[in-house]
Amino acid sequence: MPEADLALIRDAAVEAGQIALGFWRGAYRRWDKDAGAGPVTEADLAVNARLETLLRPARPDYGWLSEESPDDAARLSARRVFVIDPIDGTRAFIDGHEGFAVCIAVVEAGRPVAGVVHLPARGQTYAASADGPATRDGRPIRPAAGRLPGATVLTAKSALAPEHWRGGQVPAVKREFRPSLAWRLCLVAEGRFDAALSVRPAWDWDIAAASLIAERAGCAATDRSGGTFRFNGVMPQSAGLVVANQALHAELLAGLADPAAPPQLRAVT
């Protein structure tokens, strides 16, 4: 079944990506969501609508969790759930950059069993199932073997502030950034960068598909405390993320401060 689901969501992501490209670098409506949740465009909604028409009739018993759909508590009791970000990297999309992605995962019992991250403007598709290899455009991918010091890490500047690290000791890394969080995980999975790091909460729709791709490529992929990702919870968020090869992942976890510790205590932990 994971392979059948993977074929379904791969085809859906590619088809929906064409909807996104029809808006990209064109004229379309855009606005800000409530509560500072970021921008959204009519392209996000059009892609979401197309994915619903492709996926829901094909798997009518699956639940639905999408950034651009009203939440439905029925997903919590569904055996399998589609977890979707119609356009991950909406700001990049608005700015006309290529770094946006259509992300689709199938989650069962809190864990992804199939995942696709498709970058329409780049013509690239990352995919994995729970019992198969991670691929980019059909070819297997593997992470790089980078270690500290000097590892290349995809992360926001704020993640390298001293208060996030034990004793204020920020590791010697080379920081890079890409607008789509899902794409960052995929770039680590294929060895283009050594690690992806976020100290901020991450929504399920941003990371469910990409975390499976990273794991099947050979990465360790956890929240910022080293906990296993569990998706489709009541609050569909994880406490940050650390994704890297096994050795570098352990090094980064060892250096991160306890997120529950008050800032004034972190320098002595």
C-alpha atoms as a PDB file:
ATOM      1  CA  MET A   1       0.000   0.000   0.000  1.00  0.00           C
ATOM      2  CA  PRO A   2       2.763   2.598   0.662  1.00  0.00           C
ATOM      3  CA  GLU A   3       3.975   2.196  -2.926  1.00  0.00           C
ATOM      4  CA  ALA A   4       0.448   2.647  -4.297  1.00  0.00           C
ATOM      5  CA  ASP A   5       0.014   5.746  -2.160  1.00  0.00           C
ATOM      6  CA  LEU A   6       3.407   7.021  -3.276  1.00  0.00           C
ATOM      7  CA  ALA A   7       2.484   6.715  -6.946  1.00  0.00           C
ATOM      8  CA  LEU A   8      -0.798   8.502  -6.272  1.00  0.00           C
ATOM      9  CA  ILE A   9       0.696  11.446  -4.405  1.00  0.00           C
ATOM     10  CA  ARG A  10       3.654  11.768  -6.791  1.00  0.00           C
ATOM     11  CA  ASP A  11       1.332  12.147  -9.767  1.00  0.00           C
ATOM     12  CA  ALA A  12      -0.907  14.531  -7.832  1.00  0.00           C
ATOM     13  CA  ALA A  13       2.009  16.731  -6.760  1.00  0.00           C
ATOM     14  CA  VAL A  14       3.308  17.043 -10.312  1.00  0.00           C
ATOM     15  CA  GLU A  15      -0.143  17.847 -11.712  1.00  0.00           C
ATOM     16  CA  ALA A  16      -0.875  20.370  -8.969  1.00  0.00           C
ATOM     17  CA  GLY A  17       2.547  21.905  -9.538  1.00  0.00           C
ATOM     18  CA  GLN A  18       1.405  22.881 -13.008  1.00  0.00           C
ATOM     19  CA  ILE A  19      -1.417  24.865 -11.398  1.00  0.00           C
ATOM     20  CA  ALA A  20       1.169  26.745  -9.332  1.00  0.00           C
ATOM     21  CA  LEU A  21       3.275  27.489 -12.398  1.00  0.00           C
ATOM     22  CA  GLY A  22       0.216  28.982 -14.090  1.00  0.00           C
ATOM     23  CA  PHE A  23       0.224  31.708 -11.413  1.00  0.00           C
ATOM     24  CA  TRP A  24       3.974  32.021 -10.779  1.00  0.00           C
ATOM     25  CA  ARG A  25       5.501  35.328 -11.875  1.00  0.00           C
ATOM     26  CA  GLY A  26       2.059  36.439 -13.002  1.00  0.00           C
ATOM     27  CA  ALA A  27      -0.755  38.571 -11.616  1.00  0.00           C
ATOM     28  CA  TYR A  28      -2.733  37.045  -8.755  1.00  0.00           C
ATOM     29  CA  ARG A  29      -4.276  38.016  -5.439  1.00  0.00           C
ATOM     30  CA  ARG A  30      -2.252  37.730  -2.237  1.00  0.00           C
ATOM     31  CA  TRP A  31      -2.943  38.647   1.381  1.00  0.00           C
ATOM     32  CA  ASP A  32      -1.758  38.009   4.936  1.00  0.00           C
ATOM     33  CA  LYS A  33      -3.329  35.371   7.139  1.00  0.00           C
ATOM     34  CA  ASP A  34      -4.645  36.204  10.586  1.00  0.00           C
ATOM     35  CA  ALA A  35      -2.430  36.136  13.686  1.00  0.00           C
ATOM     36  CA  GLY A  36       0.778  36.715  11.747  1.00  0.00           C
ATOM     37  CA  ALA A  37       0.609  33.274  10.096  1.00  0.00           C
ATOM     38  CA  GLY A  38       2.273  34.560   6.934  1.00  0.00           C
ATOM     39  CA  PRO A  39       1.175  35.290   3.380  1.00  0.00           C
ATOM     40  CA  VAL A  40      -1.183  33.277   1.208  1.00  0.00           C
ATOM     41  CA  THR A  41      -2.131  33.645  -2.442  1.00  0.00           C
ATOM     42  CA  GLU A  42      -4.889  32.473  -4.727  1.00  0.00           C
ATOM     43  CA  ALA A  43      -2.304  30.084  -6.140  1.00  0.00           C
ATOM     44  CA  ASP A  44      -2.051  28.317  -2.744  1.00  0.00           C
ATOM     45  CA  LEU A  45      -5.802  27.876  -2.706  1.00  0.00           C
ATOM     46  CA  ALA A  46      -6.000  26.726  -6.323  1.00  0.00           C
ATOM     47  CA  VAL A  47      -3.306  24.105  -5.760  1.00  0.00           C
ATOM     48  CA  ASN A  48      -5.063  22.946  -2.598  1.00  0.00           C
ATOM     49  CA  ALA A  49      -8.374  22.648  -4.431  1.00  0.00           C
ATOM     50  CA  ARG A  50      -6.786  20.608  -7.221  1.00  0.00           C
ATOM     51  CA  LEU A  51      -5.148  18.262  -4.737  1.00  0.00           C
ATOM     52  CA  GLU A  52      -8.501  17.702  -3.059  1.00  0.00           C
ATOM     53  CA  THR A  53     -10.106  16.720  -6.366  1.00  0.00           C
ATOM     54  CA  LEU A  54      -7.233  14.329  -7.125  1.00  0.00           C
ATOM     55  CA  LEU A  55      -6.712  12.717  -3.727  1.00  0.00           C
ATOM     56  CA  ARG A  56      -9.947  12.643  -1.769  1.00  0.00           C
ATOM     57  CA  PRO A  57     -11.979  10.613  -4.294  1.00  0.00           C
ATOM     58  CA  ALA A  58      -9.037   8.217  -4.708  1.00  0.00           C
ATOM     59  CA  ARG A  59      -8.817   7.539  -0.947  1.00  0.00           C
ATOM     60  CA  PRO A  60     -12.192   8.540   0.523  1.00  0.00           C
ATOM     61  CA  ASP A  61     -11.422   6.931   3.892  1.00  0.00           C
ATOM     62  CA  TYR A  62      -8.241   8.966   4.428  1.00  0.00           C
ATOM     63  CA  GLY A  63      -8.238  12.018   6.659  1.00  0.00           C
ATOM     64  CA  TRP A  64      -7.159  15.448   5.435  1.00  0.00           C
ATOM     65  CA  LEU A  65      -4.743  17.930   7.019  1.00  0.00           C
ATOM     66  CA  SER A  66      -3.712  20.849   4.826  1.00  0.00           C
ATOM     67  CA  GLU A  67      -2.317  24.268   5.613  1.00  0.00           C
ATOM     68  CA  GLU A  68      -4.979  25.811   3.379  1.00  0.00           C
ATOM     69  CA  SER A  69      -8.053  23.819   4.476  1.00  0.00           C
ATOM     70  CA  PRO A  70     -10.177  24.275   7.607  1.00  0.00           C
ATOM     71  CA  ASP A  71      -9.124  21.689  10.152  1.00  0.00           C
ATOM     72  CA  ASP A  72     -11.451  18.714  10.520  1.00  0.00           C
ATOM     73  CA  ALA A  73     -11.227  16.689  13.725  1.00  0.00           C
ATOM     74  CA  ALA A  74     -12.251  13.579  11.765  1.00  0.00           C
ATOM     75  CA  ARG A  75      -8.609  13.265  10.716  1.00  0.00           C
ATOM     76  CA  LEU A  76      -7.703  12.264  14.275  1.00  0.00           C
ATOM     77  CA  SER A  77      -9.646   9.011  14.002  1.00  0.00           C
ATOM     78  CA  ALA A  78      -8.711   8.188  10.396  1.00  0.00           C
ATOM     79  CA  ARG A  79      -6.342   5.253   9.873  1.00  0.00           C
ATOM     80  CA  ARG A  80      -4.396   7.184   7.251  1.00  0.00           C
ATOM     81  CA  VAL A  81      -4.229  10.934   6.639  1.00  0.00           C
ATOM     82  CA  PHE A  82      -3.057  13.129   3.779  1.00  0.00           C
ATOM     83  CA  VAL A  83      -0.811  15.887   5.165  1.00  0.00           C
ATOM     84  CA  ILE A  84      -0.387  18.667   2.630  1.00  0.00           C
ATOM     85  CA  ASP A  85       1.275  22.006   2.036  1.00  0.00           C
ATOM     86  CA  PRO A  86       0.035  23.199  -1.364  1.00  0.00           C
ATOM     87  CA  ILE A  87       2.894  25.696  -1.669  1.00  0.00           C
ATOM     88  CA  ASP A  88       5.710  25.499   0.867  1.00  0.00           C
ATOM     89  CA  GLY A  89       7.768  28.664   0.456  1.00  0.00           C
ATOM     90  CA  THR A  90       4.941  31.053  -0.402  1.00  0.00           C
ATOM     91  CA  ARG A  91       7.196  34.072   0.110  1.00  0.00           C
ATOM     92  CA  ALA A  92       9.642  32.684  -2.458  1.00  0.00           C
ATOM     93  CA  PHE A  93       6.721  32.054  -4.806  1.00  0.00           C
ATOM     94  CA  ILE A  94       5.553  35.657  -4.413  1.00  0.00           C
ATOM     95  CA  ASP A  95       9.081  36.957  -5.041  1.00  0.00           C
ATOM     96  CA  GLY A  96       9.354  34.924  -8.241  1.00  0.00           C
ATOM     97  CA  HIS A  97      12.033  32.571  -6.897  1.00  0.00           C
ATOM     98  CA  GLU A  98      12.217  28.882  -7.790  1.00  0.00           C
ATOM     99  CA  GLY A  99      12.451  27.592  -4.211  1.00  0.00           C
ATOM    100  CA  PHE A 100       8.841  26.630  -3.540  1.00  0.00           C
ATOM    101  CA  ALA A 101       7.405  23.136  -3.291  1.00  0.00           C
ATOM    102  CA  VAL A 102       4.230  21.076  -3.288  1.00  0.00           C
ATOM    103  CA  CYS A 103       4.418  18.726  -0.283  1.00  0.00           C
ATOM    104  CA  ILE A 104       2.242  15.655   0.254  1.00  0.00           C
ATOM    105  CA  ALA A 105       2.575  12.922   2.865  1.00  0.00           C
ATOM    106  CA  VAL A 106       0.460   9.962   3.841  1.00  0.00           C
ATOM    107  CA  VAL A 107       0.600   9.468   7.614  1.00  0.00           C
ATOM    108  CA  GLU A 108      -0.424   6.335   9.504  1.00  0.00           C
ATOM    109  CA  ALA A 109      -0.350   6.069  13.313  1.00  0.00           C
ATOM    110  CA  GLY A 110       1.567   9.327  13.518  1.00  0.00           C
ATOM    111  CA  ARG A 111       4.317   8.337  11.089  1.00  0.00           C
ATOM    112  CA  PRO A 112       4.671   9.084   7.367  1.00  0.00           C
ATOM    113  CA  VAL A 113       4.473   6.044   5.092  1.00  0.00           C
ATOM    114  CA  ALA A 114       4.755   7.917   1.778  1.00  0.00           C
ATOM    115  CA  GLY A 115       6.056  11.383   1.001  1.00  0.00           C
ATOM    116  CA  VAL A 116       6.646  13.636  -2.003  1.00  0.00           C
ATOM    117  CA  VAL A 117       8.241  17.080  -2.258  1.00  0.00           C
ATOM    118  CA  HIS A 118       7.888  18.477  -5.786  1.00  0.00           C
ATOM    119  CA  LEU A 119       9.529  21.726  -6.916  1.00  0.00           C
ATOM    120  CA  PRO A 120       7.549  22.773 -10.008  1.00  0.00           C
ATOM    121  CA  ALA A 121       9.799  25.623 -11.136  1.00  0.00           C
ATOM    122  CA  ARG A 122      12.874  23.400 -10.927  1.00  0.00           C
ATOM    123  CA  GLY A 123      11.247  20.283 -12.332  1.00  0.00           C
ATOM    124  CA  GLN A 124      12.501  18.202  -9.401  1.00  0.00           C
ATOM    125  CA  THR A 125      10.625  15.575  -7.421  1.00  0.00           C
ATOM    126  CA  TYR A 126      11.846  13.998  -4.186  1.00  0.00           C
ATOM    127  CA  ALA A 127       9.981  10.914  -2.979  1.00  0.00           C
ATOM    128  CA  ALA A 128      10.095   8.026  -0.523  1.00  0.00           C
ATOM    129  CA  SER A 129       7.934   5.319   0.994  1.00  0.00           C
ATOM    130  CA  ALA A 130       8.414   3.732   4.398  1.00  0.00           C
ATOM    131  CA  ASP A 131       9.816   0.554   2.842  1.00  0.00           C
ATOM    132  CA  GLY A 132      11.690   1.969  -0.139  1.00  0.00           C
ATOM    133  CA  PRO A 133      14.612   4.242  -0.992  1.00  0.00           C
ATOM    134  CA  ALA A 134      14.578   8.017  -1.034  1.00  0.00           C
ATOM    135  CA  THR A 135      14.889   9.375  -4.556  1.00  0.00           C
ATOM    136  CA  ARG A 136      15.194  12.553  -6.548  1.00  0.00           C
ATOM    137  CA  ASP A 137      13.694  12.188 -10.011  1.00  0.00           C
ATOM    138  CA  GLY A 138      13.792   8.431  -9.596  1.00  0.00           C
ATOM    139  CA  ARG A 139      17.450   8.171  -8.579  1.00  0.00           C
ATOM    140  CA  PRO A 140      18.447   7.126  -5.036  1.00  0.00           C
ATOM    141  CA  ILE A 141      19.940   9.827  -2.822  1.00  0.00           C
ATOM    142  CA  ARG A 142      22.205   9.739   0.236  1.00  0.00           C
ATOM    143  CA  PRO A 143      23.339  12.380   2.758  1.00  0.00           C
ATOM    144  CA  ALA A 144      26.836  13.817   2.965  1.00  0.00           C
ATOM    145  CA  ALA A 145      29.272  12.803   5.703  1.00  0.00           C
ATOM    146  CA  GLY A 146      30.017  16.307   7.055  1.00  0.00           C
ATOM    147  CA  ARG A 147      30.938  16.780  10.708  1.00  0.00           C
ATOM    148  CA  LEU A 148      31.695  19.622  13.088  1.00  0.00           C
ATOM    149  CA  PRO A 149      33.456  21.938  12.770  1.00  0.00           C
ATOM    150  CA  GLY A 150      32.699  23.364   9.355  1.00  0.00           C
ATOM    151  CA  ALA A 151      29.466  21.570   8.468  1.00  0.00           C
ATOM    152  CA  THR A 152      27.114  23.409   6.102  1.00  0.00           C
ATOM    153  CA  VAL A 153      23.778  23.912   7.864  1.00  0.00           C
ATOM    154  CA  LEU A 154      20.525  25.156   6.360  1.00  0.00           C
ATOM    155  CA  THR A 155      18.971  27.299   9.051  1.00  0.00           C
ATOM    156  CA  ALA A 156      17.754  30.765   9.953  1.00  0.00           C
ATOM    157  CA  LYS A 157      20.190  33.233  11.511  1.00  0.00           C
ATOM    158  CA  SER A 158      18.205  33.188  14.744  1.00  0.00           C
ATOM    159  CA  ALA A 159      18.960  29.482  15.296  1.00  0.00           C
ATOM    160  CA  LEU A 160      22.639  30.323  15.728  1.00  0.00           C
ATOM    161  CA  ALA A 161      22.067  32.802  18.546  1.00  0.00           C
ATOM    162  CA  PRO A 162      24.054  31.837  21.702  1.00  0.00           C
ATOM    163  CA  GLU A 163      20.944  31.352  23.833  1.00  0.00           C
ATOM    164  CA  HIS A 164      20.041  28.236  21.829  1.00  0.00           C
ATOM    165  CA  TRP A 165      23.335  26.455  22.605  1.00  0.00           C
ATOM    166  CA  ARG A 166      24.766  24.952  25.763  1.00  0.00           C
ATOM    167  CA  GLY A 167      27.021  27.415  27.507  1.00  0.00           C
ATOM    168  CA  GLY A 168      26.359  29.869  24.692  1.00  0.00           C
ATOM    169  CA  GLN A 169      28.818  27.918  22.536  1.00  0.00           C
ATOM    170  CA  VAL A 170      27.564  28.204  18.959  1.00  0.00           C
ATOM    171  CA  PRO A 171      29.091  25.465  16.772  1.00  0.00           C
ATOM    172  CA  ALA A 172      31.434  26.400  13.948  1.00  0.00           C
ATOM    173  CA  VAL A 173      29.156  25.875  10.959  1.00  0.00           C
ATOM    174  CA  LYS A 174      28.677  27.463   7.560  1.00  0.00           C
ATOM    175  CA  ARG A 175      25.118  28.793   7.434  1.00  0.00           C
ATOM    176  CA  GLU A 176      22.990  28.653   4.300  1.00  0.00           C
ATOM    177  CA  PHE A 177      19.275  29.190   3.786  1.00  0.00           C
ATOM    178  CA  ARG A 178      16.536  28.121   1.391  1.00  0.00           C
ATOM    179  CA  PRO A 179      12.951  29.415   1.563  1.00  0.00           C
ATOM    180  CA  SER A 180      11.084  26.089   1.639  1.00  0.00           C
ATOM    181  CA  LEU A 181      11.595  24.119   4.851  1.00  0.00           C
ATOM    182  CA  ALA A 182      10.706  20.888   3.073  1.00  0.00           C
ATOM    183  CA  TRP A 183      13.287  21.587   0.373  1.00  0.00           C
ATOM    184  CA  ARG A 184      15.954  22.155   3.033  1.00  0.00           C
ATOM    185  CA  LEU A 185      15.403  18.644   4.375  1.00  0.00           C
ATOM    186  CA  CYS A 186      15.534  17.198   0.867  1.00  0.00           C
ATOM    187  CA  LEU A 187      18.779  19.041   0.102  1.00  0.00           C
ATOM    188  CA  VAL A 188      20.300  17.434   3.186  1.00  0.00           C
ATOM    189  CA  ALA A 189      18.920  14.047   2.156  1.00  0.00           C
ATOM    190  CA  GLU A 190      20.709  14.269  -1.195  1.00  0.00           C
ATOM    191  CA  GLY A 191      23.994  15.477   0.292  1.00  0.00           C
ATOM    192  CA  ARG A 192      23.966  19.025  -1.059  1.00  0.00           C
ATOM    193  CA  PHE A 193      24.204  20.345   2.522  1.00  0.00           C
ATOM    194  CA  ASP A 194      25.171  18.633   5.755  1.00  0.00           C
ATOM    195  CA  ALA A 195      22.263  19.493   8.050  1.00  0.00           C
ATOM    196  CA  ALA A 196      18.971  21.316   8.469  1.00  0.00           C
ATOM    197  CA  LEU A 197      18.130  22.915  11.790  1.00  0.00           C
ATOM    198  CA  SER A 198      15.198  24.814  13.237  1.00  0.00           C
ATOM    199  CA  VAL A 199      14.675  25.837  16.843  1.00  0.00           C
ATOM    200  CA  ARG A 200      11.168  27.085  16.112  1.00  0.00           C
ATOM    201  CA  PRO A 201       8.025  24.909  16.006  1.00  0.00           C
ATOM    202  CA  ALA A 202       7.505  23.257  12.621  1.00  0.00           C
ATOM    203  CA  TRP A 203       4.073  22.527  11.169  1.00  0.00           C
ATOM    204  CA  ASP A 204       3.321  18.972  10.080  1.00  0.00           C
ATOM    205  CA  TRP A 205       2.574  20.010   6.508  1.00  0.00           C
ATOM    206  CA  ASP A 206       6.036  21.526   6.158  1.00  0.00           C
ATOM    207  CA  ILE A 207       8.003  18.482   7.293  1.00  0.00           C
ATOM    208  CA  ALA A 208       5.972  15.242   7.227  1.00  0.00           C
ATOM    209  CA  ALA A 209       6.872  14.319   3.639  1.00  0.00           C
ATOM    210  CA  ALA A 210      10.432  15.660   3.755  1.00  0.00           C
ATOM    211  CA  SER A 211      11.285  13.990   7.064  1.00  0.00           C
ATOM    212  CA  LEU A 212      10.448  10.594   5.580  1.00  0.00           C
ATOM    213  CA  ILE A 213      12.584  11.355   2.524  1.00  0.00           C
ATOM    214  CA  ALA A 214      15.478  12.330   4.793  1.00  0.00           C
ATOM    215  CA  GLU A 215      15.112   9.214   6.952  1.00  0.00           C
ATOM    216  CA  ARG A 216      14.937   6.840   3.988  1.00  0.00           C
ATOM    217  CA  ALA A 217      18.032   8.508   2.529  1.00  0.00           C
ATOM    218  CA  GLY A 218      19.924   7.632   5.714  1.00  0.00           C
ATOM    219  CA  CYS A 219      19.594  10.769   7.832  1.00  0.00           C
ATOM    220  CA  ALA A 220      18.573  11.031  11.439  1.00  0.00           C
ATOM    221  CA  ALA A 221      15.503  13.296  11.529  1.00  0.00           C
ATOM    222  CA  THR A 222      14.096  14.358  14.900  1.00  0.00           C
ATOM    223  CA  ASP A 223      12.732  17.329  16.761  1.00  0.00           C
ATOM    224  CA  ARG A 224      15.249  19.659  18.420  1.00  0.00           C
ATOM    225  CA  SER A 225      15.349  17.499  21.560  1.00  0.00           C
ATOM    226  CA  GLY A 226      15.977  14.271  19.653  1.00  0.00           C
ATOM    227  CA  GLY A 227      12.368  13.084  19.876  1.00  0.00           C
ATOM    228  CA  THR A 228      10.733  11.072  17.114  1.00  0.00           C
ATOM    229  CA  PHE A 229       8.397  13.083  14.909  1.00  0.00           C
ATOM    230  CA  ARG A 230       4.733  12.259  15.500  1.00  0.00           C
ATOM    231  CA  PHE A 231       2.330  13.748  12.976  1.00  0.00           C
ATOM    232  CA  ASN A 232      -1.429  14.345  12.845  1.00  0.00           C
ATOM    233  CA  GLY A 233      -1.778  15.291  16.494  1.00  0.00           C
ATOM    234  CA  VAL A 234      -4.377  17.651  17.913  1.00  0.00           C
ATOM    235  CA  MET A 235      -1.826  20.445  17.493  1.00  0.00           C
ATOM    236  CA  PRO A 236      -0.026  19.485  14.267  1.00  0.00           C
ATOM    237  CA  GLN A 237       3.387  20.869  15.208  1.00  0.00           C
ATOM    238  CA  SER A 238       6.789  19.536  16.189  1.00  0.00           C
ATOM    239  CA  ALA A 239       9.284  21.207  18.523  1.00  0.00           C
ATOM    240  CA  GLY A 240      11.816  22.279  15.906  1.00  0.00           C
ATOM    241  CA  LEU A 241      13.994  19.877  13.964  1.00  0.00           C
ATOM    242  CA  VAL A 242      17.492  18.515  13.503  1.00  0.00           C
ATOM    243  CA  VAL A 243      18.199  16.590  10.273  1.00  0.00           C
ATOM    244  CA  ALA A 244      21.672  15.331   9.358  1.00  0.00           C
ATOM    245  CA  ASN A 245      23.779  12.225   8.946  1.00  0.00           C
ATOM    246  CA  GLN A 246      23.794  10.152  12.122  1.00  0.00           C
ATOM    247  CA  ALA A 247      27.108  11.436  13.515  1.00  0.00           C
ATOM    248  CA  LEU A 248      26.496  15.119  12.817  1.00  0.00           C
ATOM    249  CA  HIS A 249      22.959  14.834  14.144  1.00  0.00           C
ATOM    250  CA  ALA A 250      24.363  13.588  17.455  1.00  0.00           C
ATOM    251  CA  GLU A 251      26.885  16.445  17.555  1.00  0.00           C
ATOM    252  CA  LEU A 252      24.221  19.092  16.962  1.00  0.00           C
ATOM    253  CA  LEU A 253      21.864  17.597  19.543  1.00  0.00           C
ATOM    254  CA  ALA A 254      24.656  17.523  22.120  1.00  0.00           C
ATOM    255  CA  GLY A 255      25.278  21.217  21.578  1.00  0.00           C
ATOM    256  CA  LEU A 256      21.691  22.459  21.649  1.00  0.00           C
ATOM    257  CA  ALA A 257      20.424  23.917  24.893  1.00  0.00           C
ATOM    258  CA  ASP A 258      17.412  22.399  26.604  1.00  0.00           C
ATOM    259  CA  PRO A 259      14.493  24.377  25.149  1.00  0.00           C
ATOM    260  CA  ALA A 260      12.666  24.145  28.475  1.00  0.00           C
ATOM    261  CA  ALA A 261      15.497  25.732  30.442  1.00  0.00           C
ATOM    262  CA  PRO A 262      15.205  29.428  31.320  1.00  0.00           C
ATOM    263  CA  PRO A 263      17.681  31.510  29.303  1.00  0.00           C
ATOM    264  CA  GLN A 264      19.680  32.494  32.388  1.00  0.00           C
ATOM    265  CA  LEU A 265      20.345  28.804  33.173  1.00  0.00           C
ATOM    266  CA  ARG A 266      21.473  27.744  29.740  1.00  0.00           C
ATOM    267  CA  ALA A 267      25.024  29.013  30.136  1.00  0.00           C
ATOM    268  CA  VAL A 268      25.683  26.529  32.948  1.00  0.00           C
ATOM    269  CA  THR A 269      24.005  23.374  31.596  1.00  0.00           C
END
